[in-house]
């Protein structure tokens, strides 16, 4: 026997299907500000990496930090460090300190500078702005491969 359906007791379709819930409270808010900026050139490299990872590629750099010293090689070392596109000199109670970051195109200048200050106490090698284990023993020889690439080109 076929029974008639009482339509007065049925739930309308839009109420019967549950809506997908927002994952966060911010997802419930109306879009006032776009989620991504069009131009991120004003952001620092670190901030751009945090907010928009992978959107702005950064060049790979190796940085040499060394203390100012007395001697005939200091002027030559300081001149080589100033050739870096990212050079900074600081002075403190212990004395001056130079910081020079070099990209792959400047591998020869980095090698020449490291030949002068590499064995001096207080010299540090940073890989992409960070202290890494075996930076001088492992990363610098890998970086010297770019010098060999310059000579064959």
Protein backbone atom coordinates (compact mmCIF):
# COMPACT_ATOMS: atom_id res chain seq x y z
CA UNK A 1 0.00 0.00 0.00
CA UNK A 2 1.30 3.38 -0.94
CA UNK A 3 1.05 6.09 1.66
CA UNK A 4 0.86 9.77 0.94
CA UNK A 5 3.69 11.97 2.12
CA UNK A 6 2.73 14.75 4.46
CA UNK A 7 4.66 17.76 3.09
CA UNK A 8 3.83 19.90 6.08
CA UNK A 9 6.21 17.84 8.23
CA UNK A 10 9.21 17.85 5.89
CA UNK A 11 12.15 20.17 6.52
CA UNK A 12 13.04 22.55 3.70
CA UNK A 13 16.14 21.50 1.78
CA UNK A 14 18.30 24.47 2.80
CA UNK A 15 17.81 23.64 6.49
CA UNK A 16 18.24 19.92 6.13
CA UNK A 17 21.77 20.10 4.66
CA UNK A 18 24.22 21.47 7.19
CA UNK A 19 26.46 24.26 5.97
CA UNK A 20 30.18 23.80 6.04
CA UNK A 21 31.54 25.38 9.20
CA UNK A 22 34.34 27.90 9.08
CA UNK A 23 37.62 26.55 10.43
CA UNK A 24 38.60 29.76 12.20
CA UNK A 25 36.82 32.85 13.38
CA UNK A 26 38.75 34.89 10.81
CA UNK A 27 37.16 32.81 8.04
CA UNK A 28 33.71 33.99 9.18
CA UNK A 29 34.60 37.66 8.81
CA UNK A 30 33.92 39.46 5.56
CA UNK A 31 36.94 40.11 3.37
CA UNK A 32 37.93 43.69 4.18
CA UNK A 33 41.59 43.44 3.32
CA UNK A 34 42.90 41.12 0.60
CA UNK A 35 44.75 38.09 1.97
CA UNK A 36 47.79 38.77 -0.23
CA UNK A 37 49.47 42.04 -1.01
CA UNK A 38 50.08 42.85 -4.66
CA UNK A 39 53.49 44.48 -4.05
CA UNK A 40 55.76 43.00 -1.37
CA UNK A 41 58.92 44.86 -2.36
CA UNK A 42 58.78 47.00 0.79
CA UNK A 43 58.98 43.92 3.05
CA UNK A 44 62.31 42.66 4.33
CA UNK A 45 63.50 39.28 3.06
CA UNK A 46 62.75 37.60 6.39
CA UNK A 47 59.25 39.07 6.64
CA UNK A 48 58.44 38.13 3.03
CA UNK A 49 59.55 34.54 3.75
CA UNK A 50 57.30 34.39 6.82
CA UNK A 51 54.19 35.93 5.27
CA UNK A 52 54.53 34.67 1.70
CA UNK A 53 56.91 31.67 1.63
CA UNK A 54 58.44 31.07 -1.77
CA UNK A 55 56.84 34.11 -3.40
CA UNK A 56 60.06 36.10 -3.59
CA UNK A 57 63.15 34.02 -4.26
CA UNK A 58 66.22 35.09 -2.33
CA UNK A 59 69.72 34.71 -3.65
CA UNK A 60 71.96 32.27 -1.80
CA UNK A 61 74.67 34.13 0.11
CA UNK A 62 77.65 33.26 2.27
CA UNK A 63 78.63 35.85 4.85
CA UNK A 64 82.01 36.48 6.48
CA UNK A 65 82.14 38.24 9.83
CA UNK A 66 85.55 39.24 11.13
CA UNK A 67 87.04 41.57 13.70
CA UNK A 68 89.05 44.60 12.72
CA UNK A 69 92.75 43.93 13.25
CA UNK A 70 96.07 45.72 13.04
CA UNK A 71 98.40 44.83 10.25
CA UNK A 72 99.13 45.35 6.60
CA UNK A 73 96.31 43.07 5.41
CA UNK A 74 93.50 44.94 7.20
CA UNK A 75 93.13 47.63 4.53
CA UNK A 76 93.00 45.02 1.77
CA UNK A 77 90.49 42.89 3.72
CA UNK A 78 88.28 45.90 4.43
CA UNK A 79 88.38 46.89 0.75
CA UNK A 80 87.35 43.38 -0.33
CA UNK A 81 84.55 43.36 2.27
CA UNK A 82 83.23 46.70 1.00
CA UNK A 83 82.84 45.18 -2.48
CA UNK A 84 80.04 43.06 -1.06
CA UNK A 85 76.50 44.14 -1.97
CA UNK A 86 75.57 43.66 1.70
CA UNK A 87 78.39 45.16 3.73
CA UNK A 88 78.06 46.37 7.31
CA UNK A 89 80.64 47.62 9.77
CA UNK A 90 79.89 47.89 13.48
CA UNK A 91 81.87 49.30 16.35
CA UNK A 92 81.54 48.16 19.91
CA UNK A 93 83.47 48.09 23.15
CA UNK A 94 85.62 45.21 21.86
CA UNK A 95 86.46 47.05 18.63
CA UNK A 96 85.21 47.09 15.07
CA UNK A 97 83.64 44.18 13.22
CA UNK A 98 83.03 43.75 9.50
CA UNK A 99 80.23 41.74 7.94
CA UNK A 100 80.15 41.05 4.20
CA UNK A 101 77.68 38.79 2.37
CA UNK A 102 78.55 37.47 -1.09
CA UNK A 103 76.36 35.83 -3.71
CA UNK A 104 77.47 33.22 -6.20
CA UNK A 105 78.59 35.86 -8.69
CA UNK A 106 81.04 37.26 -6.15
CA UNK A 107 82.57 33.93 -5.11
CA UNK A 108 86.07 35.03 -6.11
CA UNK A 109 85.94 38.11 -3.84
CA UNK A 110 84.72 35.92 -0.96
CA UNK A 111 87.57 33.47 -1.53
CA UNK A 112 90.15 36.27 -1.60
CA UNK A 113 88.73 37.76 1.61
CA UNK A 114 88.65 34.38 3.33
CA UNK A 115 92.30 33.80 2.40
CA UNK A 116 93.15 36.92 4.42
CA UNK A 117 90.86 36.61 7.45
CA UNK A 118 89.97 32.90 7.55
CA UNK A 119 92.60 31.89 10.09
CA UNK A 120 92.13 34.92 12.34
CA UNK A 121 90.34 34.36 15.67
CA UNK A 122 86.79 35.69 15.72
CA UNK A 123 86.12 35.03 12.03
CA UNK A 124 82.75 33.41 11.43
CA UNK A 125 81.12 32.03 8.29
CA UNK A 126 77.35 32.29 7.95
CA UNK A 127 75.40 30.37 5.32
CA UNK A 128 72.37 32.27 4.06
CA UNK A 129 72.51 34.48 7.15
CA UNK A 130 72.58 31.60 9.65
CA UNK A 131 75.28 29.93 11.68
CA UNK A 132 75.71 26.41 10.35
CA UNK A 133 77.86 23.54 11.51
CA UNK A 134 80.94 23.03 9.36
CA UNK A 135 80.30 26.29 7.50
CA UNK A 136 83.98 26.96 6.81
CA UNK A 137 84.97 23.33 6.28
CA UNK A 138 82.05 22.22 4.11
CA UNK A 139 80.07 25.14 2.72
CA UNK A 140 82.97 27.32 1.59
CA UNK A 141 84.56 24.60 -0.60
CA UNK A 142 81.14 24.03 -2.16
CA UNK A 143 80.90 27.76 -2.77
CA UNK A 144 84.34 27.76 -4.44
CA UNK A 145 82.79 25.65 -7.22
CA UNK A 146 81.26 28.90 -8.48
CA UNK A 147 84.81 30.32 -8.83
CA UNK A 148 85.72 27.35 -11.03
CA UNK A 149 82.58 28.04 -13.06
CA UNK A 150 83.73 31.63 -13.64
CA UNK A 151 87.08 30.46 -14.98
CA UNK A 152 85.56 28.04 -17.51
CA UNK A 153 82.92 30.51 -18.74
